[in-house]
Amino acid sequence: MTIRLSLFAALVVAASACSSNKASDTGAAPTTNDPVVATYAGKQITLSQLDREIADKLYETRRQGLDQVIMEDLIKSEAKKRGMTEDDYLREEIEKKVPPPSEEQVQQTYDQLKAAGRIPEDAPEAEVKQQIASMMTRPQQQERARAFFNELRQKNNVEIKLQEPLPPKKEVAATGPSKGPKDAPITIVEFSDFQCPFCSRAVGNLEEVMKAYPDKVRLVFRHYPLPFHENAEKAAEAAMCADEQGKFWELHDWMFKNQDKLAVADLKSQVRTMGLDGAKFDSCLDSGKFAELIKKDQDAGSALGVSGTPAFFINGMMLSGARPPEDFKRIIDAELASKK
């Protein structure tokens, strides 16, 4: 059931954050209800220490399993109502709702791969083109699969009651363009990439969070352009050049809405419609004056365990990926309650 398996892969949320926990203090004496589970080199590990180390991974495994159980049952039920097999039902709801690429698009990709020497000489052209078409539609099918499962969840009033443990706190420098009160009790530091589609999706979620806590949240933006996004680094530099003229957030919003227009020429053209001094912006961007700052942000993010984007630190507690507003609110509410 390849369609079904690919649906599972699309829907299961994979954590991109690396574990920040250091090795626990293995010299602590166990309590009566905290048995020793291993000893080595004069040290020991208790069950509670082990549980702390694997808390995040354990939650992720349970949540993925829970999502899959719910999804399988809902798909089975909906397919039965329609008198269809589960595979046919998924084809109808996912594959057929994603338009295939045009012959011209497939041919263009085929020619590019052929010219780059990435297609074996003896590979049948028809088979290769079929694989290319499948590859080109996969992202849209995954997006449709996510939307489809969310529709099923809403239709059937799915409520997840499994509690996620709060992540450990880290020291995170809140340096960079920001919005929200400087003395806000909650600071969200975001590491992001202007060419990342998941980062674009997160913008609306963050706006919802900021509106829910108008006087309590400050958002700080830091850069983490990924190496396989060819326009991301210059886009990050462009944002800082715009920041020099007080237009960071305006260009930030535009770039996330226009991720197919992040070439340097596009950016130079766009800022002129925003009232920036074009010559000053061009000089700033061409000089690479903010390249070192971008690199420092990347290094800082990597040191904190960032391996993908977007990544957020809420008062030092890490959330990875384009998480729903509820995930932010859970941590924010816990932090606000702890300050009372």
C-alpha atoms as a PDB file:
ATOM      1  CA  MET A   1       0.000   0.000   0.000  1.00  0.00           C
ATOM      2  CA  THR A   2       2.513   2.570  -1.188  1.00  0.00           C
ATOM      3  CA  ILE A   3       0.097   5.491  -1.236  1.00  0.00           C
ATOM      4  CA  ARG A   4      -0.878   4.847   2.347  1.00  0.00           C
ATOM      5  CA  LEU A   5       2.710   4.572   3.501  1.00  0.00           C
ATOM      6  CA  SER A   6       3.661   7.800   1.741  1.00  0.00           C
ATOM      7  CA  LEU A   7       0.711   9.481   3.451  1.00  0.00           C
ATOM      8  CA  PHE A   8       1.982   8.335   6.823  1.00  0.00           C
ATOM      9  CA  ALA A   9       5.424   9.701   6.010  1.00  0.00           C
ATOM     10  CA  ALA A  10       3.935  13.043   5.021  1.00  0.00           C
ATOM     11  CA  LEU A  11       1.806  13.409   8.124  1.00  0.00           C
ATOM     12  CA  VAL A  12       4.101  12.184  10.868  1.00  0.00           C
ATOM     13  CA  VAL A  13       5.877  15.175  12.363  1.00  0.00           C
ATOM     14  CA  ALA A  14       9.626  14.548  12.444  1.00  0.00           C
ATOM     15  CA  ALA A  15      11.511  16.581  15.054  1.00  0.00           C
ATOM     16  CA  SER A  16      14.410  18.546  13.553  1.00  0.00           C
ATOM     17  CA  ALA A  17      15.838  19.710  16.864  1.00  0.00           C
ATOM     18  CA  CYS A  18      18.876  18.018  18.321  1.00  0.00           C
ATOM     19  CA  SER A  19      18.684  17.020  21.985  1.00  0.00           C
ATOM     20  CA  SER A  20      20.243  19.672  24.167  1.00  0.00           C
ATOM     21  CA  ASN A  21      20.556  17.569  27.262  1.00  0.00           C
ATOM     22  CA  LYS A  22      24.076  16.920  28.477  1.00  0.00           C
ATOM     23  CA  ALA A  23      24.946  13.689  30.216  1.00  0.00           C
ATOM     24  CA  SER A  24      23.223  13.663  33.589  1.00  0.00           C
ATOM     25  CA  ASP A  25      25.076  13.786  36.868  1.00  0.00           C
ATOM     26  CA  THR A  26      25.629  10.059  37.151  1.00  0.00           C
ATOM     27  CA  GLY A  27      27.092  10.332  40.605  1.00  0.00           C
ATOM     28  CA  ALA A  28      23.773  11.087  42.303  1.00  0.00           C
ATOM     29  CA  ALA A  29      22.570   8.504  44.781  1.00  0.00           C
ATOM     30  CA  PRO A  30      19.385   6.661  43.780  1.00  0.00           C
ATOM     31  CA  THR A  31      16.256   6.867  45.893  1.00  0.00           C
ATOM     32  CA  THR A  32      14.149   3.890  46.918  1.00  0.00           C
ATOM     33  CA  ASN A  33      11.746   4.494  44.037  1.00  0.00           C
ATOM     34  CA  ASP A  34      14.490   5.351  41.560  1.00  0.00           C
ATOM     35  CA  PRO A  35      16.335   2.134  40.726  1.00  0.00           C
ATOM     36  CA  VAL A  36      19.786   2.023  39.165  1.00  0.00           C
ATOM     37  CA  VAL A  37      19.524   0.808  35.564  1.00  0.00           C
ATOM     38  CA  ALA A  38      23.242   0.778  34.693  1.00  0.00           C
ATOM     39  CA  THR A  39      26.666   1.122  36.276  1.00  0.00           C
ATOM     40  CA  TYR A  40      30.017   1.863  34.618  1.00  0.00           C
ATOM     41  CA  ALA A  41      33.436   3.281  35.540  1.00  0.00           C
ATOM     42  CA  GLY A  42      32.349   3.894  39.103  1.00  0.00           C
ATOM     43  CA  LYS A  43      29.234   5.746  37.974  1.00  0.00           C
ATOM     44  CA  GLN A  44      25.572   4.835  37.845  1.00  0.00           C
ATOM     45  CA  ILE A  45      22.477   5.825  35.928  1.00  0.00           C
ATOM     46  CA  THR A  46      19.077   5.786  37.575  1.00  0.00           C
ATOM     47  CA  LEU A  47      15.719   5.319  35.906  1.00  0.00           C
ATOM     48  CA  SER A  48      14.726   8.955  36.489  1.00  0.00           C
ATOM     49  CA  GLN A  49      17.958  10.162  34.865  1.00  0.00           C
ATOM     50  CA  LEU A  50      17.277   7.963  31.856  1.00  0.00           C
ATOM     51  CA  ASP A  51      13.694   9.202  31.647  1.00  0.00           C
ATOM     52  CA  ARG A  52      14.886  12.830  31.628  1.00  0.00           C
ATOM     53  CA  GLU A  53      17.301  12.080  28.791  1.00  0.00           C
ATOM     54  CA  ILE A  54      14.684  10.436  26.580  1.00  0.00           C
ATOM     55  CA  ALA A  55      11.640  12.518  27.552  1.00  0.00           C
ATOM     56  CA  ASP A  56      11.463  14.427  24.264  1.00  0.00           C
ATOM     57  CA  LYS A  57      12.111  11.363  22.098  1.00  0.00           C
ATOM     58  CA  LEU A  58       9.575   9.333  24.057  1.00  0.00           C
ATOM     59  CA  TYR A  59       6.911  11.982  23.517  1.00  0.00           C
ATOM     60  CA  GLU A  60       7.701  12.212  19.801  1.00  0.00           C
ATOM     61  CA  THR A  61       7.439   8.434  19.409  1.00  0.00           C
ATOM     62  CA  ARG A  62       4.148   8.316  21.287  1.00  0.00           C
ATOM     63  CA  ARG A  63       2.724  11.274  19.344  1.00  0.00           C
ATOM     64  CA  GLN A  64       3.718   9.790  15.989  1.00  0.00           C
ATOM     65  CA  GLY A  65       2.177   6.471  16.958  1.00  0.00           C
ATOM     66  CA  LEU A  66      -0.976   8.192  18.197  1.00  0.00           C
ATOM     67  CA  ASP A  67      -1.346  10.194  14.974  1.00  0.00           C
ATOM     68  CA  GLN A  68      -0.919   7.051  12.905  1.00  0.00           C
ATOM     69  CA  VAL A  69      -3.485   5.044  14.899  1.00  0.00           C
ATOM     70  CA  ILE A  70      -6.031   7.869  14.591  1.00  0.00           C
ATOM     71  CA  MET A  71      -5.295   8.372  10.908  1.00  0.00           C
ATOM     72  CA  GLU A  72      -5.612   4.673  10.039  1.00  0.00           C
ATOM     73  CA  ASP A  73      -8.933   4.392  11.835  1.00  0.00           C
ATOM     74  CA  LEU A  74     -10.393   7.550  10.275  1.00  0.00           C
ATOM     75  CA  ILE A  75      -9.294   6.540   6.774  1.00  0.00           C
ATOM     76  CA  LYS A  76     -10.740   3.059   7.236  1.00  0.00           C
ATOM     77  CA  SER A  77     -14.049   4.502   8.453  1.00  0.00           C
ATOM     78  CA  GLU A  78     -14.347   7.123   5.684  1.00  0.00           C
ATOM     79  CA  ALA A  79     -13.435   4.626   2.959  1.00  0.00           C
ATOM     80  CA  LYS A  80     -16.079   2.207   4.245  1.00  0.00           C
ATOM     81  CA  LYS A  81     -18.744   4.938   4.160  1.00  0.00           C
ATOM     82  CA  ARG A  82     -17.990   5.511   0.483  1.00  0.00           C
ATOM     83  CA  GLY A  83     -17.817   1.831  -0.372  1.00  0.00           C
ATOM     84  CA  MET A  84     -14.188   2.153  -1.450  1.00  0.00           C
ATOM     85  CA  THR A  85     -10.927   0.464  -0.594  1.00  0.00           C
ATOM     86  CA  GLU A  86      -8.580   2.542   1.522  1.00  0.00           C
ATOM     87  CA  ASP A  87      -6.101   2.864  -1.361  1.00  0.00           C
ATOM     88  CA  ASP A  88      -8.803   4.033  -3.775  1.00  0.00           C
ATOM     89  CA  TYR A  89     -10.071   6.504  -1.194  1.00  0.00           C
ATOM     90  CA  LEU A  90      -6.588   7.973  -0.723  1.00  0.00           C
ATOM     91  CA  ARG A  91      -6.012   8.171  -4.465  1.00  0.00           C
ATOM     92  CA  GLU A  92      -9.284  10.073  -4.800  1.00  0.00           C
ATOM     93  CA  GLU A  93      -8.542  12.481  -1.963  1.00  0.00           C
ATOM     94  CA  ILE A  94      -4.828  13.038  -2.548  1.00  0.00           C
ATOM     95  CA  GLU A  95      -3.363  11.934  -5.872  1.00  0.00           C
ATOM     96  CA  LYS A  96      -6.244  13.091  -8.047  1.00  0.00           C
ATOM     97  CA  LYS A  97      -6.394  16.482  -6.331  1.00  0.00           C
ATOM     98  CA  VAL A  98      -2.796  17.302  -7.239  1.00  0.00           C
ATOM     99  CA  PRO A  99      -2.409  18.262 -10.915  1.00  0.00           C
ATOM    100  CA  PRO A 100       0.470  16.506 -12.701  1.00  0.00           C
ATOM    101  CA  PRO A 101       3.330  18.579 -14.121  1.00  0.00           C
ATOM    102  CA  SER A 102       3.078  19.531 -17.769  1.00  0.00           C
ATOM    103  CA  GLU A 103       5.024  17.640 -20.422  1.00  0.00           C
ATOM    104  CA  GLU A 104       7.095  20.784 -20.937  1.00  0.00           C
ATOM    105  CA  GLN A 105       8.059  20.920 -17.236  1.00  0.00           C
ATOM    106  CA  VAL A 106       9.036  17.249 -17.211  1.00  0.00           C
ATOM    107  CA  GLN A 107      11.016  17.627 -20.437  1.00  0.00           C
ATOM    108  CA  GLN A 108      12.855  20.674 -19.094  1.00  0.00           C
ATOM    109  CA  THR A 109      13.871  18.824 -15.924  1.00  0.00           C
ATOM    110  CA  TYR A 110      14.848  15.767 -17.956  1.00  0.00           C
ATOM    111  CA  ASP A 111      17.060  17.864 -20.228  1.00  0.00           C
ATOM    112  CA  GLN A 112      18.729  19.554 -17.246  1.00  0.00           C
ATOM    113  CA  LEU A 113      19.482  16.231 -15.544  1.00  0.00           C
ATOM    114  CA  LYS A 114      20.700  14.744 -18.808  1.00  0.00           C
ATOM    115  CA  ALA A 115      23.025  17.671 -19.445  1.00  0.00           C
ATOM    116  CA  ALA A 116      24.398  17.363 -15.917  1.00  0.00           C
ATOM    117  CA  GLY A 117      25.200  13.694 -16.493  1.00  0.00           C
ATOM    118  CA  ARG A 118      22.774  12.537 -13.805  1.00  0.00           C
ATOM    119  CA  ILE A 119      20.810  10.193 -16.080  1.00  0.00           C
ATOM    120  CA  PRO A 120      22.518   6.946 -17.198  1.00  0.00           C
ATOM    121  CA  GLU A 121      22.890   6.651 -20.957  1.00  0.00           C
ATOM    122  CA  ASP A 122      20.996   3.348 -21.052  1.00  0.00           C
ATOM    123  CA  ALA A 123      18.085   4.544 -18.863  1.00  0.00           C
ATOM    124  CA  PRO A 124      14.725   4.309 -20.709  1.00  0.00           C
ATOM    125  CA  GLU A 125      13.535   7.863 -21.317  1.00  0.00           C
ATOM    126  CA  ALA A 126       9.872   7.083 -20.590  1.00  0.00           C
ATOM    127  CA  GLU A 127      10.684   5.513 -17.205  1.00  0.00           C
ATOM    128  CA  VAL A 128      12.940   8.383 -16.216  1.00  0.00           C
ATOM    129  CA  LYS A 129      10.289  10.941 -17.134  1.00  0.00           C
ATOM    130  CA  GLN A 130       7.712   9.041 -15.095  1.00  0.00           C
ATOM    131  CA  GLN A 131      10.050   9.179 -12.092  1.00  0.00           C
ATOM    132  CA  ILE A 132      10.630  12.893 -12.668  1.00  0.00           C
ATOM    133  CA  ALA A 133       6.876  13.566 -12.788  1.00  0.00           C
ATOM    134  CA  SER A 134       6.422  11.644  -9.552  1.00  0.00           C
ATOM    135  CA  MET A 135       9.263  13.573  -7.922  1.00  0.00           C
ATOM    136  CA  MET A 136       7.789  16.897  -9.019  1.00  0.00           C
ATOM    137  CA  THR A 137       4.336  16.157  -7.582  1.00  0.00           C
ATOM    138  CA  ARG A 138       5.543  14.646  -4.305  1.00  0.00           C
ATOM    139  CA  PRO A 139       5.786  17.948  -2.350  1.00  0.00           C
ATOM    140  CA  GLN A 140       2.247  18.932  -3.408  1.00  0.00           C
ATOM    141  CA  GLN A 141       0.945  15.469  -2.523  1.00  0.00           C
ATOM    142  CA  GLN A 142       2.548  15.700   0.900  1.00  0.00           C
ATOM    143  CA  GLU A 143       1.002  19.125   1.436  1.00  0.00           C
ATOM    144  CA  ARG A 144      -2.388  17.815   0.318  1.00  0.00           C
ATOM    145  CA  ALA A 145      -1.970  14.807   2.622  1.00  0.00           C
ATOM    146  CA  ARG A 146      -1.366  17.091   5.610  1.00  0.00           C
ATOM    147  CA  ALA A 147      -4.369  19.226   4.728  1.00  0.00           C
ATOM    148  CA  PHE A 148      -6.499  16.125   4.166  1.00  0.00           C
ATOM    149  CA  PHE A 149      -5.670  14.639   7.553  1.00  0.00           C
ATOM    150  CA  ASN A 150      -6.348  17.978   9.239  1.00  0.00           C
ATOM    151  CA  GLU A 151      -9.760  18.010   7.548  1.00  0.00           C
ATOM    152  CA  LEU A 152     -10.475  14.534   8.924  1.00  0.00           C
ATOM    153  CA  ARG A 153      -9.310  15.587  12.393  1.00  0.00           C
ATOM    154  CA  GLN A 154     -11.582  18.635  12.427  1.00  0.00           C
ATOM    155  CA  LYS A 155     -14.534  16.721  11.005  1.00  0.00           C
ATOM    156  CA  ASN A 156     -14.216  14.065  13.713  1.00  0.00           C
ATOM    157  CA  ASN A 157     -13.367  16.437  16.591  1.00  0.00           C
ATOM    158  CA  VAL A 158      -9.995  14.841  17.298  1.00  0.00           C
ATOM    159  CA  GLU A 159      -8.557  16.090  20.584  1.00  0.00           C
ATOM    160  CA  ILE A 160      -5.002  15.139  21.547  1.00  0.00           C
ATOM    161  CA  LYS A 161      -4.610  14.896  25.321  1.00  0.00           C
ATOM    162  CA  LEU A 162      -1.075  13.519  25.342  1.00  0.00           C
ATOM    163  CA  GLN A 163       1.017  16.112  27.191  1.00  0.00           C
ATOM    164  CA  GLU A 164       4.339  17.168  25.699  1.00  0.00           C
ATOM    165  CA  PRO A 165       7.129  17.768  28.234  1.00  0.00           C
ATOM    166  CA  LEU A 166       8.510  21.293  28.395  1.00  0.00           C
ATOM    167  CA  PRO A 167      11.918  21.491  26.711  1.00  0.00           C
ATOM    168  CA  PRO A 168      15.001  22.402  28.766  1.00  0.00           C
ATOM    169  CA  LYS A 169      16.058  26.049  28.890  1.00  0.00           C
ATOM    170  CA  LYS A 170      19.138  27.334  27.070  1.00  0.00           C
ATOM    171  CA  GLU A 171      20.945  30.645  27.124  1.00  0.00           C
ATOM    172  CA  VAL A 172      19.977  32.332  23.849  1.00  0.00           C
ATOM    173  CA  ALA A 173      21.155  35.808  22.877  1.00  0.00           C
ATOM    174  CA  ALA A 174      18.156  37.914  21.856  1.00  0.00           C
ATOM    175  CA  THR A 175      20.091  39.960  19.304  1.00  0.00           C
ATOM    176  CA  GLY A 176      18.545  41.015  16.024  1.00  0.00           C
ATOM    177  CA  PRO A 177      15.553  42.877  14.626  1.00  0.00           C
ATOM    178  CA  SER A 178      12.635  42.645  17.026  1.00  0.00           C
ATOM    179  CA  LYS A 179       9.046  43.644  17.621  1.00  0.00           C
ATOM    180  CA  GLY A 180       6.998  43.693  20.776  1.00  0.00           C
ATOM    181  CA  PRO A 181       7.775  45.312  24.153  1.00  0.00           C
ATOM    182  CA  LYS A 182      11.469  45.226  25.084  1.00  0.00           C
ATOM    183  CA  ASP A 183      10.515  44.458  28.685  1.00  0.00           C
ATOM    184  CA  ALA A 184       8.090  41.665  27.731  1.00  0.00           C
ATOM    185  CA  PRO A 185       8.188  38.662  30.096  1.00  0.00           C
ATOM    186  CA  ILE A 186       8.346  36.316  27.095  1.00  0.00           C
ATOM    187  CA  THR A 187      11.016  36.525  24.401  1.00  0.00           C
ATOM    188  CA  ILE A 188      10.796  34.343  21.304  1.00  0.00           C
ATOM    189  CA  VAL A 189      14.041  34.101  19.344  1.00  0.00           C
ATOM    190  CA  GLU A 190      13.434  32.754  15.850  1.00  0.00           C
ATOM    191  CA  PHE A 191      16.119  31.238  13.603  1.00  0.00           C
ATOM    192  CA  SER A 192      14.765  31.340  10.074  1.00  0.00           C
ATOM    193  CA  ASP A 193      15.482  31.129   6.336  1.00  0.00           C
ATOM    194  CA  PHE A 194      13.658  33.391   3.865  1.00  0.00           C
ATOM    195  CA  GLN A 195      13.576  30.661   1.212  1.00  0.00           C
ATOM    196  CA  CYS A 196      12.233  27.943   3.525  1.00  0.00           C
ATOM    197  CA  PRO A 197       8.542  27.136   2.846  1.00  0.00           C
ATOM    198  CA  PHE A 198       8.009  25.967   6.428  1.00  0.00           C
ATOM    199  CA  CYS A 199       9.351  29.310   7.697  1.00  0.00           C
ATOM    200  CA  SER A 200       6.836  31.085   5.491  1.00  0.00           C
ATOM    201  CA  ARG A 201       4.061  28.962   6.949  1.00  0.00           C
ATOM    202  CA  ALA A 202       5.209  29.855  10.469  1.00  0.00           C
ATOM    203  CA  VAL A 203       4.762  33.603   9.913  1.00  0.00           C
ATOM    204  CA  GLY A 204       0.990  33.452  10.302  1.00  0.00           C
ATOM    205  CA  ASN A 205       1.266  31.266  13.399  1.00  0.00           C
ATOM    206  CA  LEU A 206       3.620  33.767  15.024  1.00  0.00           C
ATOM    207  CA  GLU A 207       1.286  36.639  14.192  1.00  0.00           C
ATOM    208  CA  GLU A 208      -1.538  34.785  15.931  1.00  0.00           C
ATOM    209  CA  VAL A 209       0.643  34.250  18.999  1.00  0.00           C
ATOM    210  CA  MET A 210       1.662  37.927  19.108  1.00  0.00           C
ATOM    211  CA  LYS A 211      -1.994  38.993  18.908  1.00  0.00           C
ATOM    212  CA  ALA A 212      -2.948  36.599  21.715  1.00  0.00           C
ATOM    213  CA  TYR A 213      -0.305  38.119  24.032  1.00  0.00           C
ATOM    214  CA  PRO A 214      -0.062  41.766  22.849  1.00  0.00           C
ATOM    215  CA  ASP A 215       1.923  43.111  25.820  1.00  0.00           C
ATOM    216  CA  LYS A 216       3.714  39.977  26.908  1.00  0.00           C
ATOM    217  CA  VAL A 217       5.709  38.698  23.918  1.00  0.00           C
ATOM    218  CA  ARG A 218       8.742  40.077  22.132  1.00  0.00           C
ATOM    219  CA  LEU A 219       9.857  38.428  18.868  1.00  0.00           C
ATOM    220  CA  VAL A 220      13.524  38.526  17.837  1.00  0.00           C
ATOM    221  CA  PHE A 221      14.609  37.415  14.362  1.00  0.00           C
ATOM    222  CA  ARG A 222      17.952  35.694  13.750  1.00  0.00           C
ATOM    223  CA  HIS A 223      19.228  34.257  10.492  1.00  0.00           C
ATOM    224  CA  TYR A 224      19.833  30.625   9.601  1.00  0.00           C
ATOM    225  CA  PRO A 225      19.984  30.395   5.771  1.00  0.00           C
ATOM    226  CA  LEU A 226      20.275  26.782   4.694  1.00  0.00           C
ATOM    227  CA  PRO A 227      23.071  25.910   2.231  1.00  0.00           C
ATOM    228  CA  PHE A 228      20.779  24.258  -0.327  1.00  0.00           C
ATOM    229  CA  HIS A 229      18.642  27.413  -0.678  1.00  0.00           C
ATOM    230  CA  GLU A 230      20.635  29.386  -3.233  1.00  0.00           C
ATOM    231  CA  ASN A 231      19.003  32.763  -2.560  1.00  0.00           C
ATOM    232  CA  ALA A 232      18.626  32.491   1.211  1.00  0.00           C
ATOM    233  CA  GLU A 233      21.934  34.032   2.279  1.00  0.00           C
ATOM    234  CA  LYS A 234      21.647  37.166   0.134  1.00  0.00           C
ATOM    235  CA  ALA A 235      18.002  37.463   1.183  1.00  0.00           C
ATOM    236  CA  ALA A 236      19.167  37.473   4.809  1.00  0.00           C
ATOM    237  CA  GLU A 237      21.715  40.177   4.009  1.00  0.00           C
ATOM    238  CA  ALA A 238      19.025  42.139   2.169  1.00  0.00           C
ATOM    239  CA  ALA A 239      16.812  42.029   5.252  1.00  0.00           C
ATOM    240  CA  MET A 240      19.588  43.564   7.341  1.00  0.00           C
ATOM    241  CA  CYS A 241      20.248  46.215   4.691  1.00  0.00           C
ATOM    242  CA  ALA A 242      16.544  47.060   4.877  1.00  0.00           C
ATOM    243  CA  ASP A 243      16.823  47.121   8.672  1.00  0.00           C
ATOM    244  CA  GLU A 244      19.379  49.933   8.349  1.00  0.00           C
ATOM    245  CA  GLN A 245      16.591  51.998   6.821  1.00  0.00           C
ATOM    246  CA  GLY A 246      13.904  50.887   9.277  1.00  0.00           C
ATOM    247  CA  LYS A 247      12.208  48.498   6.855  1.00  0.00           C
ATOM    248  CA  PHE A 248      13.227  45.057   8.126  1.00  0.00           C
ATOM    249  CA  TRP A 249       9.760  43.739   8.901  1.00  0.00           C
ATOM    250  CA  GLU A 250       8.245  45.146   5.725  1.00  0.00           C
ATOM    251  CA  LEU A 251      10.816  43.346   3.555  1.00  0.00           C
ATOM    252  CA  HIS A 252      10.618  40.291   5.846  1.00  0.00           C
ATOM    253  CA  ASP A 253       6.886  39.963   5.182  1.00  0.00           C
ATOM    254  CA  TRP A 254       7.275  40.519   1.444  1.00  0.00           C
ATOM    255  CA  MET A 255      10.046  37.930   1.052  1.00  0.00           C
ATOM    256  CA  PHE A 256       8.104  35.231   2.865  1.00  0.00           C
ATOM    257  CA  LYS A 257       5.118  35.912   0.597  1.00  0.00           C
ATOM    258  CA  ASN A 258       7.280  35.951  -2.554  1.00  0.00           C
ATOM    259  CA  GLN A 259       9.803  33.169  -2.096  1.00  0.00           C
ATOM    260  CA  ASP A 260      10.134  32.740  -5.859  1.00  0.00           C
ATOM    261  CA  LYS A 261      11.431  36.321  -6.184  1.00  0.00           C
ATOM    262  CA  LEU A 262      14.490  36.340  -3.933  1.00  0.00           C
ATOM    263  CA  ALA A 263      17.176  36.874  -6.563  1.00  0.00           C
ATOM    264  CA  VAL A 264      19.304  39.955  -5.909  1.00  0.00           C
ATOM    265  CA  ALA A 265      17.817  41.801  -8.893  1.00  0.00           C
ATOM    266  CA  ASP A 266      14.281  41.141  -7.609  1.00  0.00           C
ATOM    267  CA  LEU A 267      15.163  42.401  -4.137  1.00  0.00           C
ATOM    268  CA  LYS A 268      16.774  45.571  -5.455  1.00  0.00           C
ATOM    269  CA  SER A 269      13.687  46.266  -7.523  1.00  0.00           C
ATOM    270  CA  GLN A 270      11.260  45.563  -4.690  1.00  0.00           C
ATOM    271  CA  VAL A 271      12.838  47.807  -2.038  1.00  0.00           C
ATOM    272  CA  ARG A 272      12.381  50.794  -4.322  1.00  0.00           C
ATOM    273  CA  THR A 273       8.613  50.284  -4.080  1.00  0.00           C
ATOM    274  CA  MET A 274       8.891  50.361  -0.276  1.00  0.00           C
ATOM    275  CA  GLY A 275      10.408  53.811  -0.056  1.00  0.00           C
ATOM    276  CA  LEU A 276      13.986  52.730   0.662  1.00  0.00           C
ATOM    277  CA  ASP A 277      17.006  54.599  -0.660  1.00  0.00           C
ATOM    278  CA  GLY A 278      17.769  52.273  -3.573  1.00  0.00           C
ATOM    279  CA  ALA A 279      21.382  53.310  -4.064  1.00  0.00           C
ATOM    280  CA  LYS A 280      22.150  52.900  -0.362  1.00  0.00           C
ATOM    281  CA  PHE A 281      20.471  49.479  -0.306  1.00  0.00           C
ATOM    282  CA  ASP A 282      22.333  48.325  -3.431  1.00  0.00           C
ATOM    283  CA  SER A 283      25.663  49.410  -1.997  1.00  0.00           C
ATOM    284  CA  CYS A 284      24.927  47.623   1.273  1.00  0.00           C
ATOM    285  CA  LEU A 285      23.877  44.381  -0.403  1.00  0.00           C
ATOM    286  CA  ASP A 286      26.706  44.348  -2.952  1.00  0.00           C
ATOM    287  CA  SER A 287      29.323  44.979  -0.271  1.00  0.00           C
ATOM    288  CA  GLY A 288      28.330  41.936   1.779  1.00  0.00           C
ATOM    289  CA  LYS A 289      28.654  44.037   4.945  1.00  0.00           C
ATOM    290  CA  PHE A 290      26.223  41.796   6.844  1.00  0.00           C
ATOM    291  CA  ALA A 291      27.637  38.455   5.670  1.00  0.00           C
ATOM    292  CA  GLU A 292      29.648  38.075   8.872  1.00  0.00           C
ATOM    293  CA  LEU A 293      26.613  38.812  11.045  1.00  0.00           C
ATOM    294  CA  ILE A 294      24.612  36.162   9.166  1.00  0.00           C
ATOM    295  CA  LYS A 295      27.438  33.662   9.706  1.00  0.00           C
ATOM    296  CA  LYS A 296      27.514  34.462  13.433  1.00  0.00           C
ATOM    297  CA  ASP A 297      23.764  33.844  13.655  1.00  0.00           C
ATOM    298  CA  GLN A 298      24.213  30.504  11.894  1.00  0.00           C
ATOM    299  CA  ASP A 299      27.028  29.474  14.216  1.00  0.00           C
ATOM    300  CA  ALA A 300      25.012  30.514  17.266  1.00  0.00           C
ATOM    301  CA  GLY A 301      22.016  28.529  16.048  1.00  0.00           C
ATOM    302  CA  SER A 302      24.080  25.415  15.380  1.00  0.00           C
ATOM    303  CA  ALA A 303      25.653  25.659  18.833  1.00  0.00           C
ATOM    304  CA  LEU A 304      22.134  25.715  20.313  1.00  0.00           C
ATOM    305  CA  GLY A 305      21.114  22.566  18.433  1.00  0.00           C
ATOM    306  CA  VAL A 306      19.410  24.160  15.435  1.00  0.00           C
ATOM    307  CA  SER A 307      19.665  21.853  12.432  1.00  0.00           C
ATOM    308  CA  GLY A 308      16.703  23.025  10.352  1.00  0.00           C
ATOM    309  CA  THR A 309      14.303  25.912  10.039  1.00  0.00           C
ATOM    310  CA  PRO A 310      12.297  27.404  11.503  1.00  0.00           C
ATOM    311  CA  ALA A 311      13.549  26.972  15.059  1.00  0.00           C
ATOM    312  CA  PHE A 312      12.233  28.964  18.011  1.00  0.00           C
ATOM    313  CA  PHE A 313      13.452  29.557  21.554  1.00  0.00           C
ATOM    314  CA  ILE A 314      10.710  30.686  23.928  1.00  0.00           C
ATOM    315  CA  ASN A 315      12.518  32.088  26.957  1.00  0.00           C
ATOM    316  CA  GLY A 316      15.240  29.640  25.981  1.00  0.00           C
ATOM    317  CA  MET A 317      12.973  26.626  25.410  1.00  0.00           C
ATOM    318  CA  MET A 318      13.266  25.201  21.917  1.00  0.00           C
ATOM    319  CA  LEU A 319      10.493  24.436  19.442  1.00  0.00           C
ATOM    320  CA  SER A 320      11.429  23.140  15.995  1.00  0.00           C
ATOM    321  CA  GLY A 321       9.389  23.392  12.826  1.00  0.00           C
ATOM    322  CA  ALA A 322       6.282  25.297  11.738  1.00  0.00           C
ATOM    323  CA  ARG A 323       4.414  24.482  14.925  1.00  0.00           C
ATOM    324  CA  PRO A 324       0.780  25.492  15.513  1.00  0.00           C
ATOM    325  CA  PRO A 325       0.044  28.455  17.807  1.00  0.00           C
ATOM    326  CA  GLU A 326      -1.124  26.057  20.531  1.00  0.00           C
ATOM    327  CA  ASP A 327       2.422  24.710  20.943  1.00  0.00           C
ATOM    328  CA  PHE A 328       3.745  28.222  21.568  1.00  0.00           C
ATOM    329  CA  LYS A 329       0.882  29.067  23.911  1.00  0.00           C
ATOM    330  CA  ARG A 330       1.504  25.981  26.040  1.00  0.00           C
ATOM    331  CA  ILE A 331       5.053  27.111  26.824  1.00  0.00           C
ATOM    332  CA  ILE A 332       4.127  30.790  27.117  1.00  0.00           C
ATOM    333  CA  ASP A 333       1.305  30.054  29.570  1.00  0.00           C
ATOM    334  CA  ALA A 334       3.605  27.877  31.673  1.00  0.00           C
ATOM    335  CA  GLU A 335       6.243  30.623  31.740  1.00  0.00           C
ATOM    336  CA  LEU A 336       3.744  33.335  32.655  1.00  0.00           C
ATOM    337  CA  ALA A 337       2.300  31.160  35.414  1.00  0.00           C
ATOM    338  CA  SER A 338       5.780  30.575  36.848  1.00  0.00           C
ATOM    339  CA  LYS A 339       6.356  34.338  37.119  1.00  0.00           C
ATOM    340  CA  LYS A 340       3.274  35.015  39.249  1.00  0.00           C
END
